[in-house]
Amino acid sequence: MIVSQFVARELSKRSFLEFIKQATIQSRSINNGSFDGWIFQMDFLFHLRKAFSESQFLQLENNETWPVTRIFDFRDEVELENKTSQFMDGCWFIPSKVNHGAYDVAQLLDNLSTLRIVQLTISKTHNLKLEYVIKLLKSLKKRNIAIQKLEVVVVVPAGFTTQFKIGQVFSDQNVSITELGWNKNQIQIKGFRRCS
């Protein structure tokens, strides 16, 4: 059995499709929500990395695709500041810290003017802690990447988009978010088809 969310995220870098399928089958059979959530994240991250090396597109429900041009793993937002010359449309940021309160992955789009924040969950509700988004926005701004638009997307297993409801949205520095014209009603819910 996978022992932690961190281990599941690390396995997404090294696993094969058959392992992800078996882990998904096992996680569904033991009825442990936390474990199943880790496996859902592992599945998504595996397919994100696979898309980078193969098709350059991540497949979502309803034939929606997201571009995958580069992937940057990072420990904290400051670490990204030294890599900004390598950023391009469709690049992804994957924090190694597993308890970010607002996102599991992020993506730059639209000539680096849009930041897509993606929260992965199997839960029917999820809270967002926007201070993590604000840290990322500030880090990008320091390197002259001026985000004009913020997309907040919650990705749930395919077929469950209508069942998901956003919980509370927390921030002690809400100003940076509202300056981008963003509000809680703009959160998008997307489905991702799990391996099985």
N, C-alpha and C. Protein backbone atom coordinates (compact mmCIF):
# COMPACT_ATOMS: atom_id res chain seq x y z
N MET A 1 0.84 -1.18 0.00
CA MET A 1 0.00 0.00 0.00
C MET A 1 0.89 1.24 0.00
N ILE A 2 0.49 2.27 -0.73
CA ILE A 2 1.20 3.55 -0.76
C ILE A 2 0.97 4.23 0.59
N VAL A 3 2.04 4.74 1.19
CA VAL A 3 1.95 5.19 2.57
C VAL A 3 1.68 6.67 2.75
N SER A 4 1.79 7.48 1.70
CA SER A 4 1.54 8.91 1.88
C SER A 4 1.26 9.58 0.54
N GLN A 5 0.72 10.78 0.63
CA GLN A 5 0.47 11.59 -0.55
C GLN A 5 1.78 11.92 -1.25
N PHE A 6 2.82 12.19 -0.48
CA PHE A 6 4.13 12.49 -1.06
C PHE A 6 4.63 11.31 -1.89
N VAL A 7 4.52 10.11 -1.36
CA VAL A 7 4.96 8.91 -2.08
C VAL A 7 4.14 8.75 -3.37
N ALA A 8 2.84 8.98 -3.29
CA ALA A 8 1.99 8.86 -4.49
C ALA A 8 2.44 9.86 -5.56
N ARG A 9 2.76 11.09 -5.15
CA ARG A 9 3.21 12.10 -6.12
C ARG A 9 4.56 11.71 -6.73
N GLU A 10 5.45 11.16 -5.92
CA GLU A 10 6.75 10.73 -6.44
C GLU A 10 6.58 9.54 -7.40
N LEU A 11 5.66 8.65 -7.08
CA LEU A 11 5.42 7.50 -7.97
C LEU A 11 4.85 7.95 -9.32
N SER A 12 4.14 9.08 -9.34
CA SER A 12 3.61 9.57 -10.61
C SER A 12 4.73 9.91 -11.59
N LYS A 13 5.94 10.16 -11.08
CA LYS A 13 7.09 10.47 -11.93
C LYS A 13 7.74 9.21 -12.49
N ARG A 14 7.52 8.07 -11.85
CA ARG A 14 8.29 6.87 -12.17
C ARG A 14 7.44 5.66 -12.57
N SER A 15 6.14 5.80 -12.52
CA SER A 15 5.27 4.64 -12.70
C SER A 15 4.94 4.37 -14.16
N PHE A 16 4.35 3.22 -14.36
CA PHE A 16 3.84 2.81 -15.66
C PHE A 16 2.33 2.79 -15.60
N LEU A 17 1.69 2.87 -16.75
CA LEU A 17 0.23 2.92 -16.82
C LEU A 17 -0.42 1.75 -16.10
N GLU A 18 0.12 0.56 -16.24
CA GLU A 18 -0.49 -0.61 -15.60
C GLU A 18 -0.47 -0.48 -14.07
N PHE A 19 0.60 0.09 -13.53
CA PHE A 19 0.67 0.32 -12.08
C PHE A 19 -0.42 1.29 -11.65
N ILE A 20 -0.61 2.37 -12.40
CA ILE A 20 -1.64 3.37 -12.08
C ILE A 20 -3.02 2.71 -12.12
N LYS A 21 -3.27 1.89 -13.13
CA LYS A 21 -4.55 1.19 -13.24
C LYS A 21 -4.79 0.31 -12.02
N GLN A 22 -3.79 -0.49 -11.64
CA GLN A 22 -3.94 -1.39 -10.49
C GLN A 22 -4.13 -0.61 -9.19
N ALA A 23 -3.39 0.48 -9.04
CA ALA A 23 -3.53 1.31 -7.84
C ALA A 23 -4.93 1.91 -7.77
N THR A 24 -5.48 2.32 -8.91
CA THR A 24 -6.83 2.88 -8.95
C THR A 24 -7.86 1.83 -8.57
N ILE A 25 -7.73 0.64 -9.10
CA ILE A 25 -8.66 -0.46 -8.76
C ILE A 25 -8.58 -0.75 -7.27
N GLN A 26 -7.38 -0.85 -6.73
CA GLN A 26 -7.20 -1.13 -5.30
C GLN A 26 -7.76 -0.01 -4.44
N SER A 27 -7.50 1.24 -4.81
CA SER A 27 -7.95 2.36 -3.98
C SER A 27 -9.47 2.44 -3.93
N ARG A 28 -10.11 2.10 -5.01
CA ARG A 28 -11.58 2.10 -5.03
C ARG A 28 -12.15 0.96 -4.19
N SER A 29 -11.43 -0.16 -4.14
CA SER A 29 -11.96 -1.33 -3.44
C SER A 29 -11.84 -1.23 -1.93
N ILE A 30 -10.88 -0.46 -1.42
CA ILE A 30 -10.71 -0.42 0.04
C ILE A 30 -11.51 0.70 0.70
N ASN A 31 -12.14 1.56 -0.11
CA ASN A 31 -13.03 2.59 0.41
C ASN A 31 -12.36 3.51 1.44
N ASN A 32 -11.17 4.00 1.11
CA ASN A 32 -10.45 4.95 1.96
C ASN A 32 -10.31 6.24 1.14
N GLY A 33 -11.08 7.27 1.50
CA GLY A 33 -11.14 8.50 0.73
C GLY A 33 -9.79 9.19 0.55
N SER A 34 -9.00 9.26 1.61
CA SER A 34 -7.69 9.91 1.51
C SER A 34 -6.79 9.17 0.54
N PHE A 35 -6.72 7.86 0.70
CA PHE A 35 -5.88 7.05 -0.18
C PHE A 35 -6.35 7.18 -1.63
N ASP A 36 -7.65 7.11 -1.84
CA ASP A 36 -8.19 7.22 -3.19
C ASP A 36 -7.86 8.60 -3.79
N GLY A 37 -7.89 9.64 -2.98
CA GLY A 37 -7.52 10.98 -3.44
C GLY A 37 -6.06 11.04 -3.86
N TRP A 38 -5.18 10.40 -3.11
CA TRP A 38 -3.75 10.36 -3.48
C TRP A 38 -3.58 9.67 -4.84
N ILE A 39 -4.32 8.58 -5.03
CA ILE A 39 -4.21 7.84 -6.28
C ILE A 39 -4.77 8.66 -7.44
N PHE A 40 -5.85 9.39 -7.21
CA PHE A 40 -6.39 10.28 -8.25
C PHE A 40 -5.35 11.32 -8.66
N GLN A 41 -4.68 11.91 -7.67
CA GLN A 41 -3.60 12.87 -7.97
C GLN A 41 -2.47 12.19 -8.74
N MET A 42 -2.09 11.01 -8.30
CA MET A 42 -1.01 10.28 -8.96
C MET A 42 -1.38 10.02 -10.42
N ASP A 43 -2.62 9.62 -10.66
CA ASP A 43 -3.12 9.35 -12.00
C ASP A 43 -3.03 10.62 -12.86
N PHE A 44 -3.54 11.72 -12.36
CA PHE A 44 -3.52 12.98 -13.12
C PHE A 44 -2.09 13.41 -13.41
N LEU A 45 -1.23 13.39 -12.39
CA LEU A 45 0.16 13.82 -12.58
C LEU A 45 0.91 12.89 -13.54
N PHE A 46 0.64 11.60 -13.48
CA PHE A 46 1.23 10.65 -14.42
C PHE A 46 0.85 11.03 -15.85
N HIS A 47 -0.44 11.29 -16.07
CA HIS A 47 -0.90 11.63 -17.42
C HIS A 47 -0.39 13.01 -17.87
N LEU A 48 -0.24 13.92 -16.94
CA LEU A 48 0.35 15.22 -17.27
C LEU A 48 1.78 15.04 -17.76
N ARG A 49 2.58 14.27 -17.03
CA ARG A 49 3.97 14.02 -17.42
C ARG A 49 4.05 13.22 -18.73
N LYS A 50 3.14 12.27 -18.89
CA LYS A 50 3.11 11.48 -20.12
C LYS A 50 2.75 12.36 -21.31
N ALA A 51 1.82 13.29 -21.12
CA ALA A 51 1.44 14.21 -22.19
C ALA A 51 2.63 15.06 -22.62
N PHE A 52 3.45 15.47 -21.67
CA PHE A 52 4.63 16.27 -22.01
C PHE A 52 5.58 15.49 -22.91
N SER A 53 5.77 14.22 -22.60
CA SER A 53 6.74 13.43 -23.37
C SER A 53 6.15 12.83 -24.65
N GLU A 54 4.82 12.84 -24.78
CA GLU A 54 4.21 12.19 -25.95
C GLU A 54 3.37 13.14 -26.79
N SER A 55 2.16 13.40 -26.40
CA SER A 55 1.20 14.10 -27.26
C SER A 55 1.23 15.63 -27.12
N GLN A 56 1.77 16.13 -26.03
CA GLN A 56 1.78 17.56 -25.72
C GLN A 56 0.40 18.09 -25.30
N PHE A 57 -0.56 17.17 -25.07
CA PHE A 57 -1.89 17.59 -24.63
C PHE A 57 -2.40 16.63 -23.55
N LEU A 58 -2.97 17.20 -22.50
CA LEU A 58 -3.61 16.43 -21.44
C LEU A 58 -5.09 16.34 -21.76
N GLN A 59 -5.62 15.13 -21.76
CA GLN A 59 -7.02 14.89 -22.12
C GLN A 59 -7.90 14.96 -20.88
N LEU A 60 -8.96 15.76 -20.96
CA LEU A 60 -9.97 15.84 -19.91
C LEU A 60 -11.28 15.27 -20.44
N GLU A 61 -12.29 15.31 -19.59
CA GLU A 61 -13.61 14.84 -19.97
C GLU A 61 -14.17 15.70 -21.11
N ASN A 62 -15.07 15.16 -21.89
CA ASN A 62 -15.74 15.87 -22.99
C ASN A 62 -14.77 16.35 -24.07
N ASN A 63 -13.73 15.58 -24.30
CA ASN A 63 -12.74 15.88 -25.34
C ASN A 63 -12.02 17.21 -25.17
N GLU A 64 -12.03 17.76 -23.98
CA GLU A 64 -11.26 18.98 -23.72
C GLU A 64 -9.79 18.60 -23.54
N THR A 65 -8.91 19.41 -24.10
CA THR A 65 -7.47 19.16 -23.95
C THR A 65 -6.79 20.43 -23.44
N TRP A 66 -5.75 20.23 -22.65
CA TRP A 66 -4.91 21.32 -22.17
C TRP A 66 -3.50 21.09 -22.70
N PRO A 67 -2.85 22.15 -23.20
CA PRO A 67 -1.48 21.98 -23.71
C PRO A 67 -0.48 21.70 -22.59
N VAL A 68 0.55 20.95 -22.93
CA VAL A 68 1.62 20.63 -21.97
C VAL A 68 2.95 20.83 -22.72
N THR A 69 3.55 22.01 -22.54
CA THR A 69 4.78 22.32 -23.27
C THR A 69 6.05 22.13 -22.45
N ARG A 70 5.95 22.30 -21.14
CA ARG A 70 7.07 22.08 -20.22
C ARG A 70 6.50 21.79 -18.85
N ILE A 71 7.32 21.20 -17.99
CA ILE A 71 6.92 20.95 -16.61
C ILE A 71 8.06 21.40 -15.70
N PHE A 72 7.71 22.18 -14.70
CA PHE A 72 8.68 22.64 -13.70
C PHE A 72 8.24 22.14 -12.33
N ASP A 73 9.04 21.27 -11.74
CA ASP A 73 8.82 20.84 -10.36
C ASP A 73 9.51 21.87 -9.47
N PHE A 74 8.87 22.21 -8.35
CA PHE A 74 9.49 23.19 -7.45
C PHE A 74 9.09 22.94 -6.01
N ARG A 75 9.96 23.36 -5.11
CA ARG A 75 9.71 23.23 -3.67
C ARG A 75 8.94 24.44 -3.14
N ASP A 76 9.39 25.65 -3.53
CA ASP A 76 8.66 26.86 -3.16
C ASP A 76 8.72 27.84 -4.33
N GLU A 77 7.87 28.84 -4.28
CA GLU A 77 7.70 29.77 -5.39
C GLU A 77 8.99 30.50 -5.75
N VAL A 78 9.84 30.77 -4.78
CA VAL A 78 11.10 31.47 -5.03
C VAL A 78 11.98 30.67 -5.99
N GLU A 79 11.92 29.36 -5.88
CA GLU A 79 12.70 28.47 -6.75
C GLU A 79 12.35 28.67 -8.23
N LEU A 80 11.10 29.05 -8.50
CA LEU A 80 10.68 29.27 -9.89
C LEU A 80 11.27 30.54 -10.49
N GLU A 81 11.61 31.50 -9.63
CA GLU A 81 12.08 32.80 -10.11
C GLU A 81 13.33 32.68 -10.98
N ASN A 82 14.17 31.68 -10.74
CA ASN A 82 15.39 31.51 -11.53
C ASN A 82 15.15 30.79 -12.85
N LYS A 83 13.92 30.36 -13.08
CA LYS A 83 13.61 29.59 -14.29
C LYS A 83 12.71 30.34 -15.26
N THR A 84 12.38 31.59 -14.96
CA THR A 84 11.38 32.29 -15.77
C THR A 84 11.76 32.43 -17.23
N SER A 85 13.03 32.47 -17.55
CA SER A 85 13.43 32.58 -18.96
C SER A 85 13.03 31.33 -19.76
N GLN A 86 12.74 30.25 -19.06
CA GLN A 86 12.34 29.00 -19.71
C GLN A 86 10.82 28.85 -19.82
N PHE A 87 10.06 29.76 -19.20
CA PHE A 87 8.61 29.65 -19.22
C PHE A 87 8.08 29.91 -20.62
N MET A 88 7.01 29.20 -20.97
CA MET A 88 6.33 29.38 -22.25
C MET A 88 4.86 29.03 -22.06
N ASP A 89 4.05 29.44 -23.03
CA ASP A 89 2.64 29.09 -22.97
C ASP A 89 2.47 27.59 -22.83
N GLY A 90 1.58 27.20 -21.94
CA GLY A 90 1.30 25.78 -21.75
C GLY A 90 2.23 25.09 -20.78
N CYS A 91 3.15 25.84 -20.14
CA CYS A 91 4.03 25.19 -19.17
C CYS A 91 3.30 25.02 -17.84
N TRP A 92 3.70 23.99 -17.11
CA TRP A 92 3.06 23.61 -15.86
C TRP A 92 4.04 23.71 -14.70
N PHE A 93 3.50 24.02 -13.52
CA PHE A 93 4.26 24.06 -12.28
C PHE A 93 3.68 23.00 -11.34
N ILE A 94 4.56 22.13 -10.83
CA ILE A 94 4.11 21.09 -9.90
C ILE A 94 4.87 21.27 -8.59
N PRO A 95 4.17 21.73 -7.54
CA PRO A 95 4.85 21.88 -6.26
C PRO A 95 5.12 20.52 -5.62
N SER A 96 6.31 20.36 -5.05
CA SER A 96 6.60 19.10 -4.36
C SER A 96 5.99 19.09 -2.97
N LYS A 97 5.68 20.25 -2.45
CA LYS A 97 4.99 20.35 -1.16
C LYS A 97 3.55 19.89 -1.36
N VAL A 98 3.14 18.88 -0.63
CA VAL A 98 1.85 18.25 -0.91
C VAL A 98 0.65 18.93 -0.25
N ASN A 99 0.87 19.86 0.64
CA ASN A 99 -0.28 20.43 1.33
C ASN A 99 -0.54 21.89 0.96
N HIS A 100 -0.32 22.23 -0.31
CA HIS A 100 -0.75 23.54 -0.79
C HIS A 100 -2.26 23.59 -0.60
N GLY A 101 -2.76 24.66 -0.09
CA GLY A 101 -4.19 24.74 0.19
C GLY A 101 -5.03 25.17 -0.98
N ALA A 102 -4.43 25.65 -2.07
CA ALA A 102 -5.24 26.17 -3.17
C ALA A 102 -4.99 25.48 -4.49
N TYR A 103 -3.85 24.82 -4.65
CA TYR A 103 -3.63 24.17 -5.93
C TYR A 103 -2.65 23.01 -5.81
N ASP A 104 -2.84 22.06 -6.73
CA ASP A 104 -1.93 20.92 -6.84
C ASP A 104 -0.98 21.11 -8.02
N VAL A 105 -1.45 21.80 -9.04
CA VAL A 105 -0.62 22.16 -10.20
C VAL A 105 -1.11 23.51 -10.70
N ALA A 106 -0.25 24.18 -11.48
CA ALA A 106 -0.61 25.47 -12.08
C ALA A 106 -0.05 25.50 -13.49
N GLN A 107 -0.64 26.36 -14.32
CA GLN A 107 -0.23 26.44 -15.71
C GLN A 107 -0.27 27.88 -16.20
N LEU A 108 0.70 28.25 -17.04
CA LEU A 108 0.71 29.56 -17.70
C LEU A 108 0.15 29.43 -19.10
N LEU A 109 -0.69 30.39 -19.49
CA LEU A 109 -1.34 30.38 -20.79
C LEU A 109 -1.40 31.80 -21.37
N ASP A 110 -1.87 31.91 -22.61
CA ASP A 110 -2.16 33.20 -23.26
C ASP A 110 -0.99 34.17 -23.20
N ASN A 111 0.13 33.75 -23.79
CA ASN A 111 1.35 34.58 -23.79
C ASN A 111 1.79 34.95 -22.38
N LEU A 112 1.67 33.99 -21.47
CA LEU A 112 2.07 34.12 -20.06
C LEU A 112 1.24 35.16 -19.32
N SER A 113 0.04 35.45 -19.79
CA SER A 113 -0.80 36.45 -19.12
C SER A 113 -1.92 35.83 -18.28
N THR A 114 -2.14 34.51 -18.44
CA THR A 114 -3.17 33.81 -17.68
C THR A 114 -2.51 32.75 -16.81
N LEU A 115 -2.92 32.70 -15.56
CA LEU A 115 -2.46 31.66 -14.64
C LEU A 115 -3.65 30.77 -14.33
N ARG A 116 -3.52 29.49 -14.68
CA ARG A 116 -4.55 28.50 -14.36
C ARG A 116 -4.08 27.74 -13.13
N ILE A 117 -4.88 27.80 -12.09
CA ILE A 117 -4.64 27.08 -10.84
C ILE A 117 -5.53 25.84 -10.86
N VAL A 118 -4.96 24.67 -10.61
CA VAL A 118 -5.73 23.43 -10.67
C VAL A 118 -5.67 22.71 -9.33
N GLN A 119 -6.83 22.47 -8.77
CA GLN A 119 -6.97 21.70 -7.53
C GLN A 119 -7.56 20.35 -7.91
N LEU A 120 -6.89 19.28 -7.52
CA LEU A 120 -7.36 17.92 -7.81
C LEU A 120 -8.04 17.35 -6.57
N THR A 121 -9.22 16.79 -6.73
CA THR A 121 -9.91 16.21 -5.58
C THR A 121 -10.93 15.17 -6.02
N ILE A 122 -11.19 14.21 -5.13
CA ILE A 122 -12.29 13.27 -5.35
C ILE A 122 -13.45 13.61 -4.42
N SER A 123 -13.23 14.60 -3.56
CA SER A 123 -14.27 15.00 -2.60
C SER A 123 -15.42 15.72 -3.29
N LYS A 124 -16.55 15.77 -2.62
CA LYS A 124 -17.70 16.48 -3.17
C LYS A 124 -17.63 17.97 -2.86
N THR A 125 -16.68 18.35 -1.99
CA THR A 125 -16.47 19.76 -1.68
C THR A 125 -15.00 19.96 -1.33
N HIS A 126 -14.52 21.18 -1.51
CA HIS A 126 -13.11 21.47 -1.21
C HIS A 126 -12.97 22.95 -0.92
N ASN A 127 -12.20 23.28 0.11
CA ASN A 127 -11.90 24.68 0.42
C ASN A 127 -10.67 25.12 -0.36
N LEU A 128 -10.52 26.42 -0.56
CA LEU A 128 -9.34 26.98 -1.21
C LEU A 128 -8.70 28.01 -0.29
N LYS A 129 -7.38 27.95 -0.15
CA LYS A 129 -6.63 28.92 0.64
C LYS A 129 -5.79 29.75 -0.33
N LEU A 130 -6.28 30.92 -0.65
CA LEU A 130 -5.71 31.72 -1.74
C LEU A 130 -4.34 32.31 -1.44
N GLU A 131 -3.87 32.25 -0.20
CA GLU A 131 -2.54 32.81 0.07
C GLU A 131 -1.46 32.10 -0.74
N TYR A 132 -1.67 30.83 -1.08
CA TYR A 132 -0.69 30.11 -1.90
C TYR A 132 -0.70 30.62 -3.34
N VAL A 133 -1.88 30.96 -3.84
CA VAL A 133 -1.99 31.54 -5.18
C VAL A 133 -1.30 32.90 -5.20
N ILE A 134 -1.52 33.67 -4.15
CA ILE A 134 -0.92 35.01 -4.07
C ILE A 134 0.60 34.92 -4.04
N LYS A 135 1.15 33.94 -3.33
CA LYS A 135 2.61 33.74 -3.32
C LYS A 135 3.12 33.49 -4.74
N LEU A 136 2.42 32.65 -5.48
CA LEU A 136 2.83 32.35 -6.85
C LEU A 136 2.72 33.59 -7.73
N LEU A 137 1.62 34.34 -7.60
CA LEU A 137 1.44 35.57 -8.38
C LEU A 137 2.56 36.57 -8.09
N LYS A 138 2.91 36.73 -6.82
CA LYS A 138 3.97 37.67 -6.45
C LYS A 138 5.33 37.22 -6.99
N SER A 139 5.58 35.93 -6.95
CA SER A 139 6.84 35.40 -7.46
C SER A 139 6.95 35.64 -8.96
N LEU A 140 5.86 35.44 -9.69
CA LEU A 140 5.86 35.69 -11.13
C LEU A 140 6.04 37.17 -11.43
N LYS A 141 5.37 37.99 -10.64
CA LYS A 141 5.46 39.44 -10.86
C LYS A 141 6.88 39.95 -10.66
N LYS A 142 7.61 39.39 -9.69
CA LYS A 142 9.01 39.79 -9.45
C LYS A 142 9.86 39.60 -10.69
N ARG A 143 9.49 38.64 -11.53
CA ARG A 143 10.26 38.33 -12.74
C ARG A 143 9.57 38.88 -13.99
N ASN A 144 8.76 39.91 -13.78
CA ASN A 144 8.10 40.63 -14.89
C ASN A 144 7.12 39.77 -15.70
N ILE A 145 6.51 38.83 -15.05
CA ILE A 145 5.42 38.08 -15.69
C ILE A 145 4.13 38.62 -15.08
N ALA A 146 3.46 39.44 -15.86
CA ALA A 146 2.28 40.15 -15.38
C ALA A 146 1.02 39.35 -15.70
N ILE A 147 0.51 38.68 -14.72
CA ILE A 147 -0.72 37.90 -14.90
C ILE A 147 -1.91 38.85 -14.96
N GLN A 148 -2.67 38.73 -16.03
CA GLN A 148 -3.85 39.57 -16.24
C GLN A 148 -5.16 38.85 -15.92
N LYS A 149 -5.09 37.52 -15.95
CA LYS A 149 -6.30 36.72 -15.74
C LYS A 149 -5.96 35.50 -14.90
N LEU A 150 -6.85 35.17 -13.99
CA LEU A 150 -6.69 34.00 -13.14
C LEU A 150 -7.83 33.03 -13.41
N GLU A 151 -7.50 31.77 -13.69
CA GLU A 151 -8.49 30.70 -13.80
C GLU A 151 -8.28 29.76 -12.63
N VAL A 152 -9.33 29.48 -11.90
CA VAL A 152 -9.27 28.49 -10.83
C VAL A 152 -10.13 27.32 -11.27
N VAL A 153 -9.50 26.15 -11.41
CA VAL A 153 -10.19 24.96 -11.90
C VAL A 153 -10.05 23.84 -10.87
N VAL A 154 -11.16 23.24 -10.54
CA VAL A 154 -11.16 22.05 -9.69
C VAL A 154 -11.39 20.86 -10.61
N VAL A 155 -10.47 19.91 -10.58
CA VAL A 155 -10.59 18.71 -11.41
C VAL A 155 -11.02 17.55 -10.51
N VAL A 156 -12.11 16.93 -10.90
CA VAL A 156 -12.68 15.79 -10.17
C VAL A 156 -12.76 14.61 -11.13
N PRO A 157 -13.01 13.41 -10.62
CA PRO A 157 -13.17 12.27 -11.53
C PRO A 157 -14.31 12.51 -12.53
N ALA A 158 -14.10 12.08 -13.76
CA ALA A 158 -15.10 12.22 -14.81
C ALA A 158 -16.44 11.68 -14.33
N GLY A 159 -17.50 12.40 -14.67
CA GLY A 159 -18.84 11.99 -14.28
C GLY A 159 -19.31 12.58 -12.96
N PHE A 160 -18.43 13.29 -12.25
CA PHE A 160 -18.79 13.83 -10.94
C PHE A 160 -18.78 15.35 -10.90
N THR A 161 -18.67 16.00 -12.06
CA THR A 161 -18.56 17.47 -12.05
C THR A 161 -19.80 18.15 -11.47
N THR A 162 -20.97 17.61 -11.70
CA THR A 162 -22.19 18.26 -11.20
C THR A 162 -22.39 18.04 -9.71
N GLN A 163 -21.70 17.06 -9.14
CA GLN A 163 -21.84 16.77 -7.72
C GLN A 163 -20.92 17.62 -6.85
N PHE A 164 -19.91 18.25 -7.46
CA PHE A 164 -18.92 19.01 -6.69
C PHE A 164 -19.43 20.42 -6.38
N LYS A 165 -19.17 20.86 -5.15
CA LYS A 165 -19.48 22.23 -4.71
C LYS A 165 -18.24 22.79 -4.02
N ILE A 166 -17.89 24.02 -4.36
CA ILE A 166 -16.74 24.65 -3.70
C ILE A 166 -17.10 24.97 -2.26
N GLY A 167 -16.14 24.77 -1.37
CA GLY A 167 -16.33 25.09 0.04
C GLY A 167 -16.00 26.56 0.28
N GLN A 168 -15.30 26.82 1.36
CA GLN A 168 -14.93 28.19 1.69
C GLN A 168 -13.66 28.59 0.94
N VAL A 169 -13.58 29.87 0.62
CA VAL A 169 -12.39 30.42 -0.01
C VAL A 169 -11.77 31.37 1.00
N PHE A 170 -10.55 31.04 1.44
CA PHE A 170 -9.87 31.81 2.47
C PHE A 170 -8.73 32.62 1.87
N SER A 171 -8.54 33.81 2.39
CA SER A 171 -7.35 34.59 2.06
C SER A 171 -7.23 35.73 3.03
N ASP A 172 -6.00 35.95 3.49
CA ASP A 172 -5.75 37.13 4.33
C ASP A 172 -5.27 38.29 3.47
N GLN A 173 -5.08 38.05 2.16
CA GLN A 173 -4.59 39.08 1.24
C GLN A 173 -5.41 39.02 -0.04
N ASN A 174 -6.70 39.14 0.05
CA ASN A 174 -7.60 38.95 -1.08
C ASN A 174 -7.42 39.99 -2.17
N VAL A 175 -6.74 41.10 -1.88
CA VAL A 175 -6.60 42.19 -2.82
C VAL A 175 -5.98 41.74 -4.15
N SER A 176 -4.90 41.00 -4.11
CA SER A 176 -4.21 40.57 -5.33
C SER A 176 -5.11 39.76 -6.24
N ILE A 177 -6.00 38.99 -5.68
CA ILE A 177 -6.89 38.15 -6.47
C ILE A 177 -7.99 38.98 -7.10
N THR A 178 -8.62 39.86 -6.32
CA THR A 178 -9.72 40.66 -6.86
C THR A 178 -9.24 41.67 -7.88
N GLU A 179 -7.98 42.08 -7.82
CA GLU A 179 -7.43 42.99 -8.84
C GLU A 179 -7.43 42.33 -10.21
N LEU A 180 -7.41 41.03 -10.27
CA LEU A 180 -7.44 40.30 -11.54
C LEU A 180 -8.87 40.08 -12.02
N GLY A 181 -9.84 40.64 -11.31
CA GLY A 181 -11.23 40.49 -11.70
C GLY A 181 -11.79 39.12 -11.37
N TRP A 182 -11.13 38.39 -10.47
CA TRP A 182 -11.55 37.05 -10.15
C TRP A 182 -12.47 37.05 -8.94
N ASN A 183 -13.47 36.17 -8.97
CA ASN A 183 -14.29 35.94 -7.78
C ASN A 183 -14.68 34.47 -7.73
N LYS A 184 -15.19 34.07 -6.61
CA LYS A 184 -15.50 32.66 -6.33
C LYS A 184 -16.44 32.04 -7.36
N ASN A 185 -17.31 32.83 -7.95
CA ASN A 185 -18.29 32.32 -8.92
C ASN A 185 -17.66 31.89 -10.24
N GLN A 186 -16.40 32.23 -10.46
CA GLN A 186 -15.73 31.89 -11.71
C GLN A 186 -14.99 30.55 -11.64
N ILE A 187 -15.07 29.86 -10.52
CA ILE A 187 -14.39 28.57 -10.40
C ILE A 187 -15.01 27.60 -11.40
N GLN A 188 -14.15 26.92 -12.13
CA GLN A 188 -14.57 25.93 -13.12
C GLN A 188 -14.38 24.53 -12.54
N ILE A 189 -15.29 23.65 -12.89
CA ILE A 189 -15.20 22.25 -12.47
C ILE A 189 -15.04 21.42 -13.73
N LYS A 190 -13.95 20.63 -13.78
CA LYS A 190 -13.66 19.79 -14.95
C LYS A 190 -13.51 18.34 -14.51
N GLY A 191 -13.81 17.43 -15.40
CA GLY A 191 -13.68 16.01 -15.12
C GLY A 191 -12.44 15.42 -15.78
N PHE A 192 -11.85 14.47 -15.10
CA PHE A 192 -10.68 13.74 -15.61
C PHE A 192 -10.97 12.24 -15.50
N ARG A 193 -10.85 11.55 -16.63
CA ARG A 193 -11.15 10.12 -16.66
C ARG A 193 -10.02 9.33 -16.00
N ARG A 194 -10.35 8.61 -14.96
CA ARG A 194 -9.38 7.82 -14.21
C ARG A 194 -8.98 6.55 -14.94
N CYS A 195 -7.76 6.11 -14.65
CA CYS A 195 -7.33 4.79 -15.15
C CYS A 195 -8.09 3.70 -14.41
N SER A 196 -8.44 2.66 -15.09
CA SER A 196 -9.01 1.47 -14.44
C SER A 196 -9.28 0.39 -15.44
